[in-house]
Amino acid sequence: MRKLTHQSARLFALWLAAAALVVVADQTSKLAVLAHFQLGERLPLTGFFNLVLVYNPGSAFSLLADAGGWQKWFFTALALVISVWILHALWQQPEQKLQSAALTLIMGGAIGNVIDRLAYGAVVDFLDVYIAHWHWPAFNIADSGICVGAALLLWATWRNEHSEQEANK
C-alpha cells in the first residue's frame, strides 16, 4: 500500500470529509421529507418541480424494483464494494483533483443510498422534475451526487486521454 506524504494525507482526508458532507446533506434532506410528507404526497414548487415522497426498492429509474427483495442486498453489497474501491483509488491518487472529486461524489451518494436500504428497505426519493405530464423518475441528493460524479469522472477520463494524445504528437 502506498505511503502518503503529509500533503497527500491531507487531501485524502478532505475527500473523505467531502463524501461525508454528501451523506449528511442527503440524509438530512431525506429525514426532513420523511418528517413532513406521507407516502405519495406531492408539493408543487414550480411549474416543473415538485417534492414528493416515494420509496425505490430498485436502482436508478426503478430498475429491478419488483425483483422480490434480493435487489436490496445486491445493491447494498455493490455500493459497498464500489465505495471500498473508491477509497483505494482516493488513497492512491488524492492529488488528482477532478477524478477525486468525482469519486467522492459517487461514494457519498452510494453510502447515502445504502443507509436508506438498510434503514427503510428502499431508497427514499423526493425530487420530482417534469415537463408537462412527463416526469423524470424521482431522485434524491445521493442520486444527484452519483450522476454528477459519474459525469465528472467521464470528463476527467476524456481530459486525461486527450492530454496523453496531445503529448504523444
N, C-alpha and C. Protein backbone atom coordinates (compact mmCIF):
# COMPACT_ATOMS: atom_id res chain seq x y z
N MET A 1 0.84 -1.18 0.00
CA MET A 1 0.00 0.00 0.00
C MET A 1 0.89 1.24 0.00
N ARG A 2 0.47 2.23 -0.73
CA ARG A 2 1.23 3.47 -0.88
C ARG A 2 1.25 4.25 0.43
N LYS A 3 2.44 4.76 0.77
CA LYS A 3 2.56 5.64 1.95
C LYS A 3 2.35 7.07 1.47
N LEU A 4 1.41 7.76 2.08
CA LEU A 4 1.06 9.11 1.67
C LEU A 4 1.99 10.14 2.29
N THR A 5 2.30 11.17 1.51
CA THR A 5 3.00 12.32 2.07
C THR A 5 2.02 13.08 2.95
N HIS A 6 2.52 14.04 3.70
CA HIS A 6 1.64 14.84 4.56
C HIS A 6 0.58 15.54 3.72
N GLN A 7 0.98 16.13 2.59
CA GLN A 7 0.04 16.84 1.71
C GLN A 7 -1.00 15.88 1.14
N SER A 8 -0.56 14.69 0.70
CA SER A 8 -1.49 13.70 0.15
C SER A 8 -2.46 13.20 1.21
N ALA A 9 -1.96 13.02 2.43
CA ALA A 9 -2.83 12.58 3.52
C ALA A 9 -3.88 13.63 3.82
N ARG A 10 -3.49 14.90 3.77
CA ARG A 10 -4.45 15.99 3.98
C ARG A 10 -5.51 15.98 2.89
N LEU A 11 -5.09 15.81 1.64
CA LEU A 11 -6.05 15.76 0.53
C LEU A 11 -6.99 14.57 0.68
N PHE A 12 -6.45 13.42 1.05
CA PHE A 12 -7.28 12.22 1.26
C PHE A 12 -8.34 12.50 2.32
N ALA A 13 -7.93 13.13 3.42
CA ALA A 13 -8.87 13.46 4.49
C ALA A 13 -9.94 14.44 4.01
N LEU A 14 -9.55 15.39 3.18
CA LEU A 14 -10.51 16.35 2.64
C LEU A 14 -11.53 15.66 1.73
N TRP A 15 -11.07 14.70 0.93
CA TRP A 15 -12.00 13.96 0.06
C TRP A 15 -12.98 13.16 0.91
N LEU A 16 -12.50 12.56 1.98
CA LEU A 16 -13.39 11.81 2.87
C LEU A 16 -14.40 12.75 3.53
N ALA A 17 -13.95 13.92 3.93
CA ALA A 17 -14.86 14.90 4.54
C ALA A 17 -15.91 15.35 3.53
N ALA A 18 -15.51 15.54 2.29
CA ALA A 18 -16.47 15.93 1.25
C ALA A 18 -17.51 14.84 1.03
N ALA A 19 -17.07 13.58 1.02
CA ALA A 19 -18.02 12.47 0.88
C ALA A 19 -18.98 12.45 2.06
N ALA A 20 -18.46 12.70 3.25
CA ALA A 20 -19.31 12.74 4.45
C ALA A 20 -20.34 13.87 4.34
N LEU A 21 -19.95 15.00 3.77
CA LEU A 21 -20.90 16.11 3.57
C LEU A 21 -22.03 15.72 2.63
N VAL A 22 -21.71 14.96 1.58
CA VAL A 22 -22.75 14.48 0.68
C VAL A 22 -23.72 13.58 1.45
N VAL A 23 -23.19 12.68 2.25
CA VAL A 23 -24.03 11.77 3.04
C VAL A 23 -24.90 12.57 4.01
N VAL A 24 -24.32 13.54 4.69
CA VAL A 24 -25.08 14.33 5.67
C VAL A 24 -26.17 15.14 4.97
N ALA A 25 -25.85 15.78 3.85
CA ALA A 25 -26.86 16.55 3.12
C ALA A 25 -27.98 15.64 2.64
N ASP A 26 -27.60 14.47 2.14
CA ASP A 26 -28.59 13.52 1.64
C ASP A 26 -29.49 13.05 2.77
N GLN A 27 -28.92 12.58 3.85
CA GLN A 27 -29.71 12.03 4.95
C GLN A 27 -30.55 13.10 5.64
N THR A 28 -30.01 14.30 5.79
CA THR A 28 -30.76 15.39 6.42
C THR A 28 -31.98 15.75 5.57
N SER A 29 -31.80 15.83 4.26
CA SER A 29 -32.93 16.16 3.39
C SER A 29 -33.97 15.05 3.41
N LYS A 30 -33.55 13.81 3.43
CA LYS A 30 -34.50 12.70 3.47
C LYS A 30 -35.26 12.68 4.79
N LEU A 31 -34.58 12.93 5.90
CA LEU A 31 -35.27 12.96 7.19
C LEU A 31 -36.31 14.08 7.24
N ALA A 32 -35.99 15.22 6.62
CA ALA A 32 -36.95 16.33 6.58
C ALA A 32 -38.18 15.94 5.77
N VAL A 33 -37.97 15.31 4.63
CA VAL A 33 -39.10 14.89 3.80
C VAL A 33 -39.91 13.82 4.53
N LEU A 34 -39.25 12.85 5.14
CA LEU A 34 -39.96 11.80 5.88
C LEU A 34 -40.78 12.37 7.04
N ALA A 35 -40.30 13.44 7.65
CA ALA A 35 -40.99 14.04 8.78
C ALA A 35 -42.22 14.85 8.36
N HIS A 36 -42.25 15.32 7.11
CA HIS A 36 -43.31 16.23 6.69
C HIS A 36 -44.22 15.70 5.59
N PHE A 37 -43.92 14.56 5.01
CA PHE A 37 -44.71 14.04 3.89
C PHE A 37 -45.20 12.63 4.18
N GLN A 38 -46.36 12.34 3.66
CA GLN A 38 -46.88 10.97 3.64
C GLN A 38 -46.47 10.35 2.31
N LEU A 39 -46.40 9.04 2.24
CA LEU A 39 -46.04 8.35 1.01
C LEU A 39 -46.94 8.82 -0.13
N GLY A 40 -46.32 9.27 -1.21
CA GLY A 40 -47.06 9.73 -2.39
C GLY A 40 -47.49 11.18 -2.33
N GLU A 41 -47.38 11.81 -1.18
CA GLU A 41 -47.78 13.23 -1.06
C GLU A 41 -46.86 14.09 -1.92
N ARG A 42 -47.46 15.06 -2.59
CA ARG A 42 -46.74 15.89 -3.55
C ARG A 42 -46.93 17.37 -3.20
N LEU A 43 -45.83 18.13 -3.24
CA LEU A 43 -45.89 19.57 -3.01
C LEU A 43 -45.32 20.27 -4.25
N PRO A 44 -46.17 20.87 -5.08
CA PRO A 44 -45.67 21.60 -6.25
C PRO A 44 -44.91 22.86 -5.81
N LEU A 45 -43.71 23.04 -6.34
CA LEU A 45 -42.92 24.22 -6.03
C LEU A 45 -42.80 25.16 -7.21
N THR A 46 -42.75 24.62 -8.41
CA THR A 46 -42.71 25.41 -9.64
C THR A 46 -43.52 24.67 -10.70
N GLY A 47 -43.53 25.19 -11.91
CA GLY A 47 -44.23 24.53 -13.00
C GLY A 47 -43.47 23.34 -13.57
N PHE A 48 -42.33 23.00 -12.95
CA PHE A 48 -41.54 21.86 -13.44
C PHE A 48 -40.89 21.06 -12.31
N PHE A 49 -41.22 21.39 -11.06
CA PHE A 49 -40.54 20.74 -9.93
C PHE A 49 -41.48 20.58 -8.75
N ASN A 50 -41.55 19.35 -8.23
CA ASN A 50 -42.33 19.02 -7.03
C ASN A 50 -41.42 18.35 -6.01
N LEU A 51 -41.86 18.39 -4.77
CA LEU A 51 -41.34 17.48 -3.76
C LEU A 51 -42.39 16.39 -3.62
N VAL A 52 -41.96 15.15 -3.55
CA VAL A 52 -42.88 14.02 -3.42
C VAL A 52 -42.14 12.91 -2.69
N LEU A 53 -42.82 12.22 -1.80
CA LEU A 53 -42.19 11.11 -1.08
C LEU A 53 -42.52 9.80 -1.77
N VAL A 54 -41.48 9.12 -2.25
CA VAL A 54 -41.63 7.78 -2.82
C VAL A 54 -40.47 6.93 -2.33
N TYR A 55 -40.68 5.63 -2.34
CA TYR A 55 -39.63 4.68 -1.99
C TYR A 55 -39.26 3.90 -3.25
N ASN A 56 -37.97 3.72 -3.47
CA ASN A 56 -37.50 2.97 -4.63
C ASN A 56 -36.69 1.76 -4.13
N PRO A 57 -37.26 0.57 -4.24
CA PRO A 57 -36.52 -0.63 -3.82
C PRO A 57 -35.52 -1.11 -4.87
N GLY A 58 -35.54 -0.50 -6.05
CA GLY A 58 -34.63 -0.90 -7.13
C GLY A 58 -33.42 0.02 -7.20
N SER A 59 -32.91 0.15 -8.41
CA SER A 59 -31.77 1.04 -8.63
C SER A 59 -32.26 2.25 -9.42
N ALA A 60 -31.36 2.91 -10.13
CA ALA A 60 -31.73 4.07 -10.93
C ALA A 60 -32.89 3.73 -11.85
N PHE A 61 -33.83 4.66 -11.98
CA PHE A 61 -35.01 4.50 -12.83
C PHE A 61 -35.87 3.32 -12.38
N SER A 62 -35.78 2.96 -11.11
CA SER A 62 -36.53 1.85 -10.51
C SER A 62 -36.24 0.50 -11.14
N LEU A 63 -35.06 0.37 -11.75
CA LEU A 63 -34.65 -0.90 -12.33
C LEU A 63 -34.65 -1.97 -11.24
N LEU A 64 -35.27 -3.08 -11.49
CA LEU A 64 -35.39 -4.22 -10.57
C LEU A 64 -36.21 -3.91 -9.32
N ALA A 65 -37.07 -2.90 -9.38
CA ALA A 65 -37.88 -2.54 -8.22
C ALA A 65 -38.82 -3.67 -7.80
N ASP A 66 -39.24 -4.48 -8.76
CA ASP A 66 -40.18 -5.57 -8.46
C ASP A 66 -39.50 -6.92 -8.41
N ALA A 67 -38.21 -6.96 -8.06
CA ALA A 67 -37.43 -8.20 -8.13
C ALA A 67 -37.64 -9.13 -6.94
N GLY A 68 -38.42 -8.75 -5.96
CA GLY A 68 -38.72 -9.67 -4.88
C GLY A 68 -37.91 -9.50 -3.61
N GLY A 69 -37.03 -8.53 -3.53
CA GLY A 69 -36.29 -8.26 -2.30
C GLY A 69 -34.80 -8.53 -2.34
N TRP A 70 -34.35 -9.45 -3.18
CA TRP A 70 -32.92 -9.76 -3.24
C TRP A 70 -32.10 -8.55 -3.69
N GLN A 71 -32.74 -7.64 -4.47
CA GLN A 71 -32.03 -6.49 -5.02
C GLN A 71 -31.54 -5.55 -3.93
N LYS A 72 -32.24 -5.53 -2.78
CA LYS A 72 -31.79 -4.68 -1.66
C LYS A 72 -30.36 -5.07 -1.27
N TRP A 73 -30.13 -6.36 -1.10
CA TRP A 73 -28.81 -6.82 -0.67
C TRP A 73 -27.79 -6.73 -1.80
N PHE A 74 -28.24 -6.97 -3.02
CA PHE A 74 -27.34 -6.85 -4.17
C PHE A 74 -26.83 -5.42 -4.31
N PHE A 75 -27.75 -4.44 -4.32
CA PHE A 75 -27.34 -3.04 -4.50
C PHE A 75 -26.58 -2.52 -3.28
N THR A 76 -26.90 -3.02 -2.09
CA THR A 76 -26.14 -2.64 -0.90
C THR A 76 -24.71 -3.16 -1.02
N ALA A 77 -24.56 -4.43 -1.36
CA ALA A 77 -23.21 -5.00 -1.50
C ALA A 77 -22.44 -4.31 -2.62
N LEU A 78 -23.10 -4.07 -3.74
CA LEU A 78 -22.44 -3.41 -4.87
C LEU A 78 -21.95 -2.02 -4.47
N ALA A 79 -22.78 -1.25 -3.79
CA ALA A 79 -22.39 0.09 -3.36
C ALA A 79 -21.23 0.05 -2.38
N LEU A 80 -21.23 -0.93 -1.49
CA LEU A 80 -20.14 -1.04 -0.52
C LEU A 80 -18.83 -1.45 -1.20
N VAL A 81 -18.89 -2.38 -2.13
CA VAL A 81 -17.69 -2.78 -2.87
C VAL A 81 -17.14 -1.60 -3.66
N ILE A 82 -18.03 -0.88 -4.34
CA ILE A 82 -17.59 0.30 -5.10
C ILE A 82 -16.98 1.34 -4.17
N SER A 83 -17.57 1.54 -3.01
CA SER A 83 -17.04 2.52 -2.05
C SER A 83 -15.65 2.13 -1.56
N VAL A 84 -15.42 0.85 -1.32
CA VAL A 84 -14.09 0.39 -0.92
C VAL A 84 -13.10 0.62 -2.06
N TRP A 85 -13.51 0.32 -3.29
CA TRP A 85 -12.64 0.57 -4.44
C TRP A 85 -12.32 2.07 -4.55
N ILE A 86 -13.33 2.91 -4.34
CA ILE A 86 -13.12 4.36 -4.40
C ILE A 86 -12.16 4.80 -3.31
N LEU A 87 -12.30 4.28 -2.10
CA LEU A 87 -11.36 4.62 -1.02
C LEU A 87 -9.93 4.29 -1.44
N HIS A 88 -9.75 3.12 -2.04
CA HIS A 88 -8.43 2.72 -2.52
C HIS A 88 -7.92 3.69 -3.59
N ALA A 89 -8.79 4.05 -4.54
CA ALA A 89 -8.39 4.98 -5.61
C ALA A 89 -8.03 6.35 -5.04
N LEU A 90 -8.81 6.82 -4.07
CA LEU A 90 -8.51 8.11 -3.44
C LEU A 90 -7.19 8.06 -2.68
N TRP A 91 -6.92 6.93 -2.04
CA TRP A 91 -5.67 6.76 -1.31
C TRP A 91 -4.48 6.78 -2.27
N GLN A 92 -4.66 6.15 -3.42
CA GLN A 92 -3.57 6.05 -4.38
C GLN A 92 -3.24 7.38 -5.05
N GLN A 93 -4.26 8.17 -5.36
CA GLN A 93 -4.02 9.42 -6.09
C GLN A 93 -4.92 10.56 -5.61
N PRO A 94 -4.77 10.98 -4.37
CA PRO A 94 -5.63 12.07 -3.88
C PRO A 94 -5.34 13.41 -4.56
N GLU A 95 -4.19 13.50 -5.24
CA GLU A 95 -3.81 14.75 -5.90
C GLU A 95 -4.57 14.97 -7.20
N GLN A 96 -5.16 13.92 -7.74
CA GLN A 96 -5.94 14.01 -8.98
C GLN A 96 -7.28 14.67 -8.64
N LYS A 97 -7.33 15.99 -8.67
CA LYS A 97 -8.47 16.72 -8.11
C LYS A 97 -9.80 16.43 -8.79
N LEU A 98 -9.86 16.47 -10.10
CA LEU A 98 -11.13 16.24 -10.79
C LEU A 98 -11.61 14.81 -10.60
N GLN A 99 -10.70 13.86 -10.77
CA GLN A 99 -11.06 12.45 -10.58
C GLN A 99 -11.47 12.19 -9.13
N SER A 100 -10.74 12.75 -8.18
CA SER A 100 -11.06 12.54 -6.76
C SER A 100 -12.40 13.18 -6.39
N ALA A 101 -12.68 14.36 -6.93
CA ALA A 101 -13.97 15.00 -6.67
C ALA A 101 -15.10 14.13 -7.21
N ALA A 102 -14.92 13.59 -8.40
CA ALA A 102 -15.93 12.72 -9.00
C ALA A 102 -16.15 11.48 -8.14
N LEU A 103 -15.07 10.83 -7.76
CA LEU A 103 -15.17 9.61 -6.94
C LEU A 103 -15.79 9.90 -5.58
N THR A 104 -15.48 11.06 -5.02
CA THR A 104 -16.03 11.46 -3.73
C THR A 104 -17.55 11.61 -3.81
N LEU A 105 -18.03 12.25 -4.87
CA LEU A 105 -19.48 12.42 -5.04
C LEU A 105 -20.17 11.07 -5.21
N ILE A 106 -19.55 10.19 -6.00
CA ILE A 106 -20.12 8.86 -6.21
C ILE A 106 -20.17 8.09 -4.89
N MET A 107 -19.08 8.10 -4.14
CA MET A 107 -19.03 7.37 -2.88
C MET A 107 -20.03 7.94 -1.87
N GLY A 108 -20.09 9.25 -1.75
CA GLY A 108 -21.05 9.85 -0.82
C GLY A 108 -22.49 9.48 -1.17
N GLY A 109 -22.80 9.53 -2.47
CA GLY A 109 -24.14 9.15 -2.91
C GLY A 109 -24.43 7.68 -2.67
N ALA A 110 -23.46 6.83 -2.97
CA ALA A 110 -23.65 5.39 -2.77
C ALA A 110 -23.90 5.08 -1.30
N ILE A 111 -23.14 5.69 -0.42
CA ILE A 111 -23.31 5.44 1.01
C ILE A 111 -24.65 5.99 1.50
N GLY A 112 -25.04 7.16 1.00
CA GLY A 112 -26.35 7.71 1.37
C GLY A 112 -27.49 6.75 1.03
N ASN A 113 -27.42 6.15 -0.15
CA ASN A 113 -28.47 5.22 -0.55
C ASN A 113 -28.37 3.88 0.19
N VAL A 114 -27.16 3.47 0.55
CA VAL A 114 -27.00 2.25 1.36
C VAL A 114 -27.69 2.44 2.72
N ILE A 115 -27.51 3.60 3.31
CA ILE A 115 -28.16 3.87 4.60
C ILE A 115 -29.66 3.70 4.47
N ASP A 116 -30.25 4.22 3.39
CA ASP A 116 -31.70 4.07 3.17
C ASP A 116 -32.10 2.61 3.04
N ARG A 117 -31.35 1.87 2.23
CA ARG A 117 -31.71 0.45 2.01
C ARG A 117 -31.70 -0.32 3.33
N LEU A 118 -30.71 -0.01 4.18
CA LEU A 118 -30.63 -0.71 5.47
C LEU A 118 -31.68 -0.21 6.46
N ALA A 119 -31.97 1.09 6.44
CA ALA A 119 -32.92 1.67 7.41
C ALA A 119 -34.38 1.48 7.00
N TYR A 120 -34.67 1.60 5.69
CA TYR A 120 -36.06 1.61 5.24
C TYR A 120 -36.40 0.47 4.27
N GLY A 121 -35.40 -0.29 3.84
CA GLY A 121 -35.64 -1.36 2.88
C GLY A 121 -35.69 -0.88 1.45
N ALA A 122 -35.61 0.42 1.24
CA ALA A 122 -35.65 1.02 -0.10
C ALA A 122 -35.04 2.41 0.00
N VAL A 123 -34.75 3.00 -1.14
CA VAL A 123 -34.17 4.34 -1.18
C VAL A 123 -35.30 5.37 -1.14
N VAL A 124 -35.13 6.38 -0.31
CA VAL A 124 -36.10 7.48 -0.20
C VAL A 124 -35.80 8.48 -1.31
N ASP A 125 -36.77 8.69 -2.19
CA ASP A 125 -36.65 9.67 -3.27
C ASP A 125 -37.70 10.75 -3.06
N PHE A 126 -37.37 11.99 -3.45
CA PHE A 126 -38.32 13.07 -3.20
C PHE A 126 -38.24 14.23 -4.19
N LEU A 127 -37.27 14.25 -5.07
CA LEU A 127 -37.15 15.33 -6.05
C LEU A 127 -37.83 14.89 -7.35
N ASP A 128 -38.82 15.64 -7.77
CA ASP A 128 -39.64 15.29 -8.93
C ASP A 128 -39.57 16.42 -9.96
N VAL A 129 -38.85 16.17 -11.04
CA VAL A 129 -38.71 17.14 -12.13
C VAL A 129 -39.57 16.68 -13.29
N TYR A 130 -40.28 17.62 -13.92
CA TYR A 130 -41.18 17.22 -15.00
C TYR A 130 -41.35 18.33 -16.04
N ILE A 131 -41.80 17.92 -17.20
CA ILE A 131 -42.19 18.83 -18.28
C ILE A 131 -43.58 18.37 -18.72
N ALA A 132 -44.56 19.25 -18.61
CA ALA A 132 -45.96 18.92 -18.92
C ALA A 132 -46.37 17.70 -18.07
N HIS A 133 -46.71 16.59 -18.71
CA HIS A 133 -47.10 15.39 -17.96
C HIS A 133 -46.01 14.34 -17.93
N TRP A 134 -44.82 14.67 -18.44
CA TRP A 134 -43.70 13.73 -18.45
C TRP A 134 -42.83 14.00 -17.22
N HIS A 135 -42.77 13.01 -16.33
CA HIS A 135 -42.00 13.14 -15.09
C HIS A 135 -40.73 12.30 -15.17
N TRP A 136 -39.60 12.92 -14.85
CA TRP A 136 -38.35 12.18 -14.68
C TRP A 136 -38.55 11.33 -13.42
N PRO A 137 -37.98 10.13 -13.34
CA PRO A 137 -38.13 9.37 -12.09
C PRO A 137 -37.64 10.18 -10.89
N ALA A 138 -38.38 10.13 -9.80
CA ALA A 138 -38.00 10.87 -8.60
C ALA A 138 -36.61 10.42 -8.15
N PHE A 139 -35.87 11.36 -7.59
CA PHE A 139 -34.50 11.08 -7.16
C PHE A 139 -34.21 11.84 -5.88
N ASN A 140 -32.96 11.79 -5.43
CA ASN A 140 -32.57 12.43 -4.17
C ASN A 140 -31.17 13.03 -4.31
N ILE A 141 -30.65 13.57 -3.24
CA ILE A 141 -29.33 14.20 -3.28
C ILE A 141 -28.23 13.17 -3.53
N ALA A 142 -28.37 11.98 -2.95
CA ALA A 142 -27.39 10.92 -3.19
C ALA A 142 -27.32 10.57 -4.68
N ASP A 143 -28.51 10.42 -5.29
CA ASP A 143 -28.55 10.13 -6.72
C ASP A 143 -27.89 11.25 -7.53
N SER A 144 -28.13 12.48 -7.12
CA SER A 144 -27.51 13.62 -7.80
C SER A 144 -25.99 13.56 -7.69
N GLY A 145 -25.49 13.22 -6.50
CA GLY A 145 -24.05 13.08 -6.32
C GLY A 145 -23.47 12.01 -7.22
N ILE A 146 -24.17 10.88 -7.32
CA ILE A 146 -23.70 9.79 -8.18
C ILE A 146 -23.68 10.23 -9.63
N CYS A 147 -24.74 10.88 -10.09
CA CYS A 147 -24.81 11.31 -11.50
C CYS A 147 -23.78 12.38 -11.83
N VAL A 148 -23.68 13.39 -10.98
CA VAL A 148 -22.69 14.45 -11.22
C VAL A 148 -21.28 13.86 -11.14
N GLY A 149 -21.06 12.97 -10.17
CA GLY A 149 -19.75 12.32 -10.05
C GLY A 149 -19.41 11.50 -11.27
N ALA A 150 -20.38 10.76 -11.79
CA ALA A 150 -20.14 9.95 -13.00
C ALA A 150 -19.81 10.84 -14.19
N ALA A 151 -20.53 11.96 -14.32
CA ALA A 151 -20.25 12.89 -15.43
C ALA A 151 -18.85 13.48 -15.28
N LEU A 152 -18.47 13.87 -14.07
CA LEU A 152 -17.13 14.41 -13.84
C LEU A 152 -16.05 13.35 -14.11
N LEU A 153 -16.34 12.12 -13.74
CA LEU A 153 -15.38 11.03 -13.98
C LEU A 153 -15.18 10.82 -15.48
N LEU A 154 -16.25 10.86 -16.25
CA LEU A 154 -16.13 10.75 -17.71
C LEU A 154 -15.32 11.91 -18.26
N TRP A 155 -15.58 13.11 -17.76
CA TRP A 155 -14.84 14.29 -18.22
C TRP A 155 -13.36 14.16 -17.85
N ALA A 156 -13.07 13.73 -16.63
CA ALA A 156 -11.68 13.56 -16.19
C ALA A 156 -10.98 12.53 -17.07
N THR A 157 -11.66 11.44 -17.38
CA THR A 157 -11.08 10.41 -18.23
C THR A 157 -10.81 10.96 -19.63
N TRP A 158 -11.78 11.68 -20.17
CA TRP A 158 -11.60 12.28 -21.50
C TRP A 158 -10.43 13.26 -21.50
N ARG A 159 -10.35 14.10 -20.47
CA ARG A 159 -9.25 15.08 -20.38
C ARG A 159 -7.90 14.38 -20.31
N ASN A 160 -7.81 13.32 -19.51
CA ASN A 160 -6.55 12.58 -19.38
C ASN A 160 -6.15 11.95 -20.71
N GLU A 161 -7.12 11.32 -21.38
CA GLU A 161 -6.82 10.69 -22.68
C GLU A 161 -6.46 11.74 -23.71
N HIS A 162 -7.16 12.87 -23.70
CA HIS A 162 -6.87 13.96 -24.65
C HIS A 162 -5.48 14.53 -24.38
N SER A 163 -5.12 14.69 -23.12
CA SER A 163 -3.80 15.22 -22.76
C SER A 163 -2.69 14.27 -23.21
N GLU A 164 -2.92 12.97 -23.01
CA GLU A 164 -1.94 11.97 -23.42
C GLU A 164 -1.77 11.97 -24.95
N GLN A 165 -2.86 12.09 -25.68
CA GLN A 165 -2.79 12.13 -27.13
C GLN A 165 -2.02 13.36 -27.60
N GLU A 166 -2.26 14.50 -26.97
CA GLU A 166 -1.55 15.72 -27.33
C GLU A 166 -0.06 15.60 -27.00
N ALA A 167 0.26 14.96 -25.91
CA ALA A 167 1.66 14.81 -25.51
C ALA A 167 2.41 13.86 -26.45
N ASN A 168 1.68 12.91 -27.04
CA ASN A 168 2.31 11.93 -27.94
C ASN A 168 2.42 12.43 -29.37
N LYS A 169 1.93 13.60 -29.68
CA LYS A 169 2.01 14.13 -31.06
C LYS A 169 3.38 14.64 -31.38
